[in-house]
Amino acid sequence: MAFLRSNGTECCPVNWLEYEGSCYWFSRSGLTWTEAEKYCQLENAHLVVINSREEQRFIAQHSSPFHTWIGLTEIDGSWKWVDGTDYGNSYRNWAFGEPNNWQGHEEGGNEDCAELRDDGRWNDDFCLQVQRWACEMTRNITG
Protein backbone atom coordinates (compact mmCIF):
# COMPACT_ATOMS: atom_id res chain seq x y z
CA MET A 1 0.00 0.00 0.00
CA ALA A 2 1.41 3.40 -0.98
CA PHE A 3 0.95 6.33 1.33
CA LEU A 4 0.63 9.77 -0.15
CA ARG A 5 1.49 13.14 1.30
CA SER A 6 -1.19 15.67 0.40
CA ASN A 7 -1.84 19.37 0.69
CA GLY A 8 -5.48 18.73 -0.18
CA THR A 9 -5.39 18.41 -3.96
CA GLU A 10 -1.83 17.45 -4.94
CA CYS A 11 -0.04 14.28 -3.87
CA CYS A 12 3.44 12.80 -4.06
CA PRO A 13 4.36 9.41 -2.60
CA VAL A 14 6.06 9.40 0.80
CA ASN A 15 9.79 10.25 0.53
CA TRP A 16 9.29 11.93 -2.86
CA LEU A 17 9.73 15.69 -3.26
CA GLU A 18 7.29 17.90 -5.18
CA TYR A 19 8.52 20.54 -7.62
CA GLU A 20 6.55 22.32 -10.37
CA GLY A 21 3.94 19.61 -10.96
CA SER A 22 6.24 16.60 -10.69
CA CYS A 23 7.41 14.32 -7.89
CA TYR A 24 11.10 13.40 -7.53
CA TRP A 25 12.92 10.64 -5.68
CA PHE A 26 16.71 10.61 -5.17
CA SER A 27 18.54 7.32 -4.59
CA ARG A 28 21.03 6.71 -1.80
CA SER A 29 22.71 3.78 -3.56
CA GLY A 30 23.98 2.99 -7.05
CA LEU A 31 22.72 1.14 -10.13
CA THR A 32 23.59 1.03 -13.81
CA TRP A 33 21.59 3.39 -16.06
CA THR A 34 19.30 0.59 -17.32
CA GLU A 35 18.73 -0.78 -13.80
CA ALA A 36 17.96 2.73 -12.57
CA GLU A 37 15.40 3.33 -15.34
CA LYS A 38 13.78 -0.05 -14.55
CA TYR A 39 13.63 0.89 -10.86
CA CYS A 40 11.89 4.15 -11.75
CA GLN A 41 9.43 2.33 -14.02
CA LEU A 42 8.49 0.01 -11.14
CA GLU A 43 7.53 3.18 -9.26
CA ASN A 44 5.41 4.39 -12.24
CA ALA A 45 8.10 6.97 -12.96
CA HIS A 46 11.15 7.44 -15.20
CA LEU A 47 14.66 8.80 -14.80
CA VAL A 48 14.49 12.59 -14.49
CA VAL A 49 13.94 14.67 -17.61
CA ILE A 50 15.38 18.15 -17.10
CA ASN A 51 13.28 20.76 -18.92
CA SER A 52 14.60 24.06 -17.55
CA ARG A 53 17.42 25.80 -15.70
CA GLU A 54 15.19 26.00 -12.62
CA GLU A 55 14.47 22.27 -12.67
CA GLN A 56 18.20 21.67 -13.22
CA ARG A 57 18.97 23.65 -10.04
CA PHE A 58 16.37 21.69 -8.07
CA ILE A 59 17.80 18.33 -9.22
CA ALA A 60 21.39 19.43 -8.57
CA GLN A 61 20.49 20.70 -5.10
CA HIS A 62 19.13 17.30 -4.11
CA SER A 63 21.68 15.08 -5.86
CA SER A 64 24.96 16.86 -5.11
CA PRO A 65 27.74 15.94 -4.39
CA PHE A 66 27.11 12.70 -6.28
CA HIS A 67 27.07 11.91 -9.99
CA THR A 68 23.46 11.01 -10.81
CA TRP A 69 21.90 9.28 -13.80
CA ILE A 70 19.33 11.35 -15.72
CA GLY A 71 16.82 10.16 -18.32
CA LEU A 72 18.86 10.97 -21.41
CA THR A 73 20.44 8.28 -23.57
CA GLU A 74 22.05 8.03 -26.99
CA ILE A 75 20.29 5.60 -29.33
CA ASP A 76 21.59 5.04 -32.86
CA GLY A 77 23.70 8.20 -32.65
CA SER A 78 20.88 10.48 -31.42
CA TRP A 79 20.25 11.67 -27.87
CA LYS A 80 16.73 10.91 -26.60
CA TRP A 81 14.83 11.67 -23.40
CA VAL A 82 13.11 8.64 -21.83
CA ASP A 83 9.70 10.36 -21.79
CA GLY A 84 9.82 11.30 -25.47
CA THR A 85 10.61 14.99 -24.91
CA ASP A 86 12.19 16.36 -28.11
CA TYR A 87 15.93 16.60 -27.43
CA GLY A 88 16.43 18.93 -30.37
CA ASN A 89 14.30 21.63 -28.74
CA SER A 90 14.98 20.86 -25.08
CA TYR A 91 17.07 22.46 -22.34
CA ARG A 92 20.70 21.30 -22.28
CA ASN A 93 23.47 21.70 -19.73
CA TRP A 94 26.42 19.68 -21.04
CA ALA A 95 29.84 20.29 -19.54
CA PHE A 96 32.38 21.87 -21.90
CA GLY A 97 33.37 19.35 -24.58
CA GLU A 98 30.53 16.96 -23.75
CA PRO A 99 29.07 14.72 -24.94
CA ASN A 100 32.36 13.28 -26.18
CA ASN A 101 32.02 9.46 -26.09
CA TRP A 102 35.44 9.36 -24.38
CA GLN A 103 37.60 6.45 -25.56
CA GLY A 104 40.08 6.48 -22.64
CA HIS A 105 38.45 3.94 -20.33
CA GLU A 106 38.47 0.15 -20.63
CA GLU A 107 35.17 0.20 -22.52
CA GLY A 108 36.63 2.40 -25.29
CA GLY A 109 33.72 4.76 -25.80
CA ASN A 110 30.15 3.52 -25.55
CA GLU A 111 29.26 6.51 -23.39
CA ASP A 112 25.59 6.45 -24.28
CA CYS A 113 23.96 7.52 -21.00
CA ALA A 114 23.84 10.97 -19.42
CA GLU A 115 24.71 11.82 -15.86
CA LEU A 116 24.42 14.98 -13.83
CA ARG A 117 27.91 15.60 -12.44
CA ASP A 118 28.63 16.97 -8.99
CA ASP A 119 29.30 20.39 -10.56
CA GLY A 120 25.77 20.53 -12.01
CA ARG A 121 26.80 19.92 -15.64
CA TRP A 122 25.93 16.91 -17.78
CA ASN A 123 28.37 14.27 -18.99
CA ASP A 124 27.98 11.21 -21.19
CA ASP A 125 29.15 8.10 -19.37
CA PHE A 126 29.39 4.34 -19.83
CA CYS A 127 25.89 2.99 -19.10
CA LEU A 128 27.18 0.09 -16.96
CA GLN A 129 28.79 2.52 -14.52
CA VAL A 130 27.10 2.16 -11.11
CA GLN A 131 25.97 5.44 -9.59
CA ARG A 132 23.05 7.21 -7.98
CA TRP A 133 19.93 8.12 -9.91
CA ALA A 134 16.81 10.27 -9.66
CA CYS A 135 13.25 9.34 -10.66
CA GLU A 136 10.46 11.69 -11.77
CA MET A 137 6.71 11.17 -12.03
CA THR A 138 3.75 13.41 -12.72
CA ARG A 139 2.12 14.49 -9.49
CA ASN A 140 -1.25 12.88 -8.67
CA ILE A 141 -4.12 15.35 -8.79
CA THR A 142 -7.15 14.41 -6.73
CA GLY A 143 -10.45 16.10 -6.90
C-alpha atoms as a PDB file:
ATOM      1  CA  MET A   1       0.000   0.000   0.000  1.00  0.00           C
ATOM      2  CA  ALA A   2       1.410   3.399  -0.979  1.00  0.00           C
ATOM      3  CA  PHE A   3       0.948   6.327   1.326  1.00  0.00           C
ATOM      4  CA  LEU A   4       0.631   9.769  -0.151  1.00  0.00           C
ATOM      5  CA  ARG A   5       1.487  13.143   1.298  1.00  0.00           C
ATOM      6  CA  SER A   6      -1.193  15.665   0.395  1.00  0.00           C
ATOM      7  CA  ASN A   7      -1.843  19.370   0.685  1.00  0.00           C
ATOM      8  CA  GLY A   8      -5.477  18.734  -0.180  1.00  0.00           C
ATOM      9  CA  THR A   9      -5.391  18.414  -3.965  1.00  0.00           C
ATOM     10  CA  GLU A  10      -1.834  17.449  -4.941  1.00  0.00           C
ATOM     11  CA  CYS A  11      -0.037  14.282  -3.868  1.00  0.00           C
ATOM     12  CA  CYS A  12       3.439  12.800  -4.058  1.00  0.00           C
ATOM     13  CA  PRO A  13       4.362   9.407  -2.601  1.00  0.00           C
ATOM     14  CA  VAL A  14       6.056   9.395   0.798  1.00  0.00           C
ATOM     15  CA  ASN A  15       9.786  10.247   0.535  1.00  0.00           C
ATOM     16  CA  TRP A  16       9.288  11.932  -2.856  1.00  0.00           C
ATOM     17  CA  LEU A  17       9.726  15.690  -3.264  1.00  0.00           C
ATOM     18  CA  GLU A  18       7.292  17.901  -5.183  1.00  0.00           C
ATOM     19  CA  TYR A  19       8.518  20.535  -7.625  1.00  0.00           C
ATOM     20  CA  GLU A  20       6.549  22.319 -10.365  1.00  0.00           C
ATOM     21  CA  GLY A  21       3.945  19.612 -10.956  1.00  0.00           C
ATOM     22  CA  SER A  22       6.235  16.597 -10.691  1.00  0.00           C
ATOM     23  CA  CYS A  23       7.413  14.319  -7.894  1.00  0.00           C
ATOM     24  CA  TYR A  24      11.101  13.402  -7.529  1.00  0.00           C
ATOM     25  CA  TRP A  25      12.923  10.643  -5.684  1.00  0.00           C
ATOM     26  CA  PHE A  26      16.707  10.605  -5.171  1.00  0.00           C
ATOM     27  CA  SER A  27      18.536   7.324  -4.593  1.00  0.00           C
ATOM     28  CA  ARG A  28      21.033   6.712  -1.802  1.00  0.00           C
ATOM     29  CA  SER A  29      22.707   3.777  -3.565  1.00  0.00           C
ATOM     30  CA  GLY A  30      23.979   2.995  -7.051  1.00  0.00           C
ATOM     31  CA  LEU A  31      22.718   1.145 -10.127  1.00  0.00           C
ATOM     32  CA  THR A  32      23.586   1.033 -13.812  1.00  0.00           C
ATOM     33  CA  TRP A  33      21.594   3.391 -16.060  1.00  0.00           C
ATOM     34  CA  THR A  34      19.304   0.586 -17.315  1.00  0.00           C
ATOM     35  CA  GLU A  35      18.735  -0.784 -13.802  1.00  0.00           C
ATOM     36  CA  ALA A  36      17.960   2.732 -12.568  1.00  0.00           C
ATOM     37  CA  GLU A  37      15.398   3.327 -15.337  1.00  0.00           C
ATOM     38  CA  LYS A  38      13.782  -0.049 -14.554  1.00  0.00           C
ATOM     39  CA  TYR A  39      13.632   0.891 -10.864  1.00  0.00           C
ATOM     40  CA  CYS A  40      11.890   4.152 -11.747  1.00  0.00           C
ATOM     41  CA  GLN A  41       9.427   2.333 -14.019  1.00  0.00           C
ATOM     42  CA  LEU A  42       8.493   0.007 -11.142  1.00  0.00           C
ATOM     43  CA  GLU A  43       7.531   3.182  -9.264  1.00  0.00           C
ATOM     44  CA  ASN A  44       5.413   4.393 -12.241  1.00  0.00           C
ATOM     45  CA  ALA A  45       8.105   6.967 -12.956  1.00  0.00           C
ATOM     46  CA  HIS A  46      11.149   7.442 -15.205  1.00  0.00           C
ATOM     47  CA  LEU A  47      14.660   8.801 -14.804  1.00  0.00           C
ATOM     48  CA  VAL A  48      14.488  12.592 -14.491  1.00  0.00           C
ATOM     49  CA  VAL A  49      13.945  14.672 -17.611  1.00  0.00           C
ATOM     50  CA  ILE A  50      15.384  18.152 -17.103  1.00  0.00           C
ATOM     51  CA  ASN A  51      13.284  20.758 -18.915  1.00  0.00           C
ATOM     52  CA  SER A  52      14.602  24.059 -17.551  1.00  0.00           C
ATOM     53  CA  ARG A  53      17.418  25.801 -15.703  1.00  0.00           C
ATOM     54  CA  GLU A  54      15.194  26.000 -12.617  1.00  0.00           C
ATOM     55  CA  GLU A  55      14.473  22.268 -12.670  1.00  0.00           C
ATOM     56  CA  GLN A  56      18.201  21.672 -13.221  1.00  0.00           C
ATOM     57  CA  ARG A  57      18.969  23.651 -10.040  1.00  0.00           C
ATOM     58  CA  PHE A  58      16.367  21.688  -8.068  1.00  0.00           C
ATOM     59  CA  ILE A  59      17.796  18.334  -9.223  1.00  0.00           C
ATOM     60  CA  ALA A  60      21.395  19.425  -8.572  1.00  0.00           C
ATOM     61  CA  GLN A  61      20.495  20.701  -5.103  1.00  0.00           C
ATOM     62  CA  HIS A  62      19.131  17.297  -4.108  1.00  0.00           C
ATOM     63  CA  SER A  63      21.678  15.075  -5.861  1.00  0.00           C
ATOM     64  CA  SER A  64      24.956  16.865  -5.106  1.00  0.00           C
ATOM     65  CA  PRO A  65      27.740  15.944  -4.389  1.00  0.00           C
ATOM     66  CA  PHE A  66      27.105  12.705  -6.281  1.00  0.00           C
ATOM     67  CA  HIS A  67      27.069  11.911  -9.985  1.00  0.00           C
ATOM     68  CA  THR A  68      23.461  11.008 -10.806  1.00  0.00           C
ATOM     69  CA  TRP A  69      21.899   9.280 -13.804  1.00  0.00           C
ATOM     70  CA  ILE A  70      19.327  11.348 -15.720  1.00  0.00           C
ATOM     71  CA  GLY A  71      16.818  10.163 -18.321  1.00  0.00           C
ATOM     72  CA  LEU A  72      18.857  10.971 -21.410  1.00  0.00           C
ATOM     73  CA  THR A  73      20.437   8.284 -23.571  1.00  0.00           C
ATOM     74  CA  GLU A  74      22.049   8.027 -26.986  1.00  0.00           C
ATOM     75  CA  ILE A  75      20.295   5.599 -29.325  1.00  0.00           C
ATOM     76  CA  ASP A  76      21.593   5.043 -32.864  1.00  0.00           C
ATOM     77  CA  GLY A  77      23.695   8.201 -32.654  1.00  0.00           C
ATOM     78  CA  SER A  78      20.884  10.477 -31.422  1.00  0.00           C
ATOM     79  CA  TRP A  79      20.247  11.669 -27.872  1.00  0.00           C
ATOM     80  CA  LYS A  80      16.729  10.909 -26.597  1.00  0.00           C
ATOM     81  CA  TRP A  81      14.825  11.665 -23.396  1.00  0.00           C
ATOM     82  CA  VAL A  82      13.112   8.637 -21.825  1.00  0.00           C
ATOM     83  CA  ASP A  83       9.700  10.359 -21.787  1.00  0.00           C
ATOM     84  CA  GLY A  84       9.821  11.296 -25.474  1.00  0.00           C
ATOM     85  CA  THR A  85      10.613  14.987 -24.911  1.00  0.00           C
ATOM     86  CA  ASP A  86      12.185  16.360 -28.108  1.00  0.00           C
ATOM     87  CA  TYR A  87      15.931  16.596 -27.425  1.00  0.00           C
ATOM     88  CA  GLY A  88      16.432  18.934 -30.370  1.00  0.00           C
ATOM     89  CA  ASN A  89      14.298  21.628 -28.739  1.00  0.00           C
ATOM     90  CA  SER A  90      14.979  20.856 -25.084  1.00  0.00           C
ATOM     91  CA  TYR A  91      17.065  22.461 -22.336  1.00  0.00           C
ATOM     92  CA  ARG A  92      20.700  21.303 -22.277  1.00  0.00           C
ATOM     93  CA  ASN A  93      23.468  21.700 -19.726  1.00  0.00           C
ATOM     94  CA  TRP A  94      26.415  19.677 -21.039  1.00  0.00           C
ATOM     95  CA  ALA A  95      29.840  20.293 -19.539  1.00  0.00           C
ATOM     96  CA  PHE A  96      32.379  21.868 -21.899  1.00  0.00           C
ATOM     97  CA  GLY A  97      33.369  19.353 -24.580  1.00  0.00           C
ATOM     98  CA  GLU A  98      30.526  16.957 -23.753  1.00  0.00           C
ATOM     99  CA  PRO A  99      29.073  14.716 -24.939  1.00  0.00           C
ATOM    100  CA  ASN A 100      32.364  13.278 -26.178  1.00  0.00           C
ATOM    101  CA  ASN A 101      32.018   9.460 -26.088  1.00  0.00           C
ATOM    102  CA  TRP A 102      35.439   9.357 -24.383  1.00  0.00           C
ATOM    103  CA  GLN A 103      37.601   6.449 -25.556  1.00  0.00           C
ATOM    104  CA  GLY A 104      40.084   6.482 -22.645  1.00  0.00           C
ATOM    105  CA  HIS A 105      38.450   3.938 -20.332  1.00  0.00           C
ATOM    106  CA  GLU A 106      38.475   0.150 -20.626  1.00  0.00           C
ATOM    107  CA  GLU A 107      35.172   0.197 -22.525  1.00  0.00           C
ATOM    108  CA  GLY A 108      36.628   2.401 -25.291  1.00  0.00           C
ATOM    109  CA  GLY A 109      33.719   4.759 -25.798  1.00  0.00           C
ATOM    110  CA  ASN A 110      30.150   3.524 -25.553  1.00  0.00           C
ATOM    111  CA  GLU A 111      29.263   6.513 -23.389  1.00  0.00           C
ATOM    112  CA  ASP A 112      25.589   6.452 -24.281  1.00  0.00           C
ATOM    113  CA  CYS A 113      23.964   7.524 -21.003  1.00  0.00           C
ATOM    114  CA  ALA A 114      23.838  10.971 -19.423  1.00  0.00           C
ATOM    115  CA  GLU A 115      24.712  11.818 -15.858  1.00  0.00           C
ATOM    116  CA  LEU A 116      24.418  14.977 -13.832  1.00  0.00           C
ATOM    117  CA  ARG A 117      27.905  15.604 -12.445  1.00  0.00           C
ATOM    118  CA  ASP A 118      28.628  16.965  -8.992  1.00  0.00           C
ATOM    119  CA  ASP A 119      29.304  20.395 -10.558  1.00  0.00           C
ATOM    120  CA  GLY A 120      25.769  20.529 -12.009  1.00  0.00           C
ATOM    121  CA  ARG A 121      26.800  19.920 -15.636  1.00  0.00           C
ATOM    122  CA  TRP A 122      25.933  16.912 -17.778  1.00  0.00           C
ATOM    123  CA  ASN A 123      28.368  14.267 -18.988  1.00  0.00           C
ATOM    124  CA  ASP A 124      27.977  11.213 -21.194  1.00  0.00           C
ATOM    125  CA  ASP A 125      29.146   8.097 -19.374  1.00  0.00           C
ATOM    126  CA  PHE A 126      29.389   4.342 -19.832  1.00  0.00           C
ATOM    127  CA  CYS A 127      25.886   2.990 -19.101  1.00  0.00           C
ATOM    128  CA  LEU A 128      27.179   0.094 -16.965  1.00  0.00           C
ATOM    129  CA  GLN A 129      28.789   2.518 -14.522  1.00  0.00           C
ATOM    130  CA  VAL A 130      27.102   2.159 -11.108  1.00  0.00           C
ATOM    131  CA  GLN A 131      25.974   5.439  -9.586  1.00  0.00           C
ATOM    132  CA  ARG A 132      23.055   7.212  -7.976  1.00  0.00           C
ATOM    133  CA  TRP A 133      19.928   8.123  -9.907  1.00  0.00           C
ATOM    134  CA  ALA A 134      16.807  10.274  -9.660  1.00  0.00           C
ATOM    135  CA  CYS A 135      13.248   9.342 -10.661  1.00  0.00           C
ATOM    136  CA  GLU A 136      10.463  11.691 -11.767  1.00  0.00           C
ATOM    137  CA  MET A 137       6.714  11.173 -12.034  1.00  0.00           C
ATOM    138  CA  THR A 138       3.748  13.406 -12.723  1.00  0.00           C
ATOM    139  CA  ARG A 139       2.119  14.489  -9.487  1.00  0.00           C
ATOM    140  CA  ASN A 140      -1.251  12.876  -8.670  1.00  0.00           C
ATOM    141  CA  ILE A 141      -4.119  15.354  -8.793  1.00  0.00           C
ATOM    142  CA  THR A 142      -7.145  14.413  -6.731  1.00  0.00           C
ATOM    143  CA  GLY A 143     -10.452  16.100  -6.895  1.00  0.00           C
END
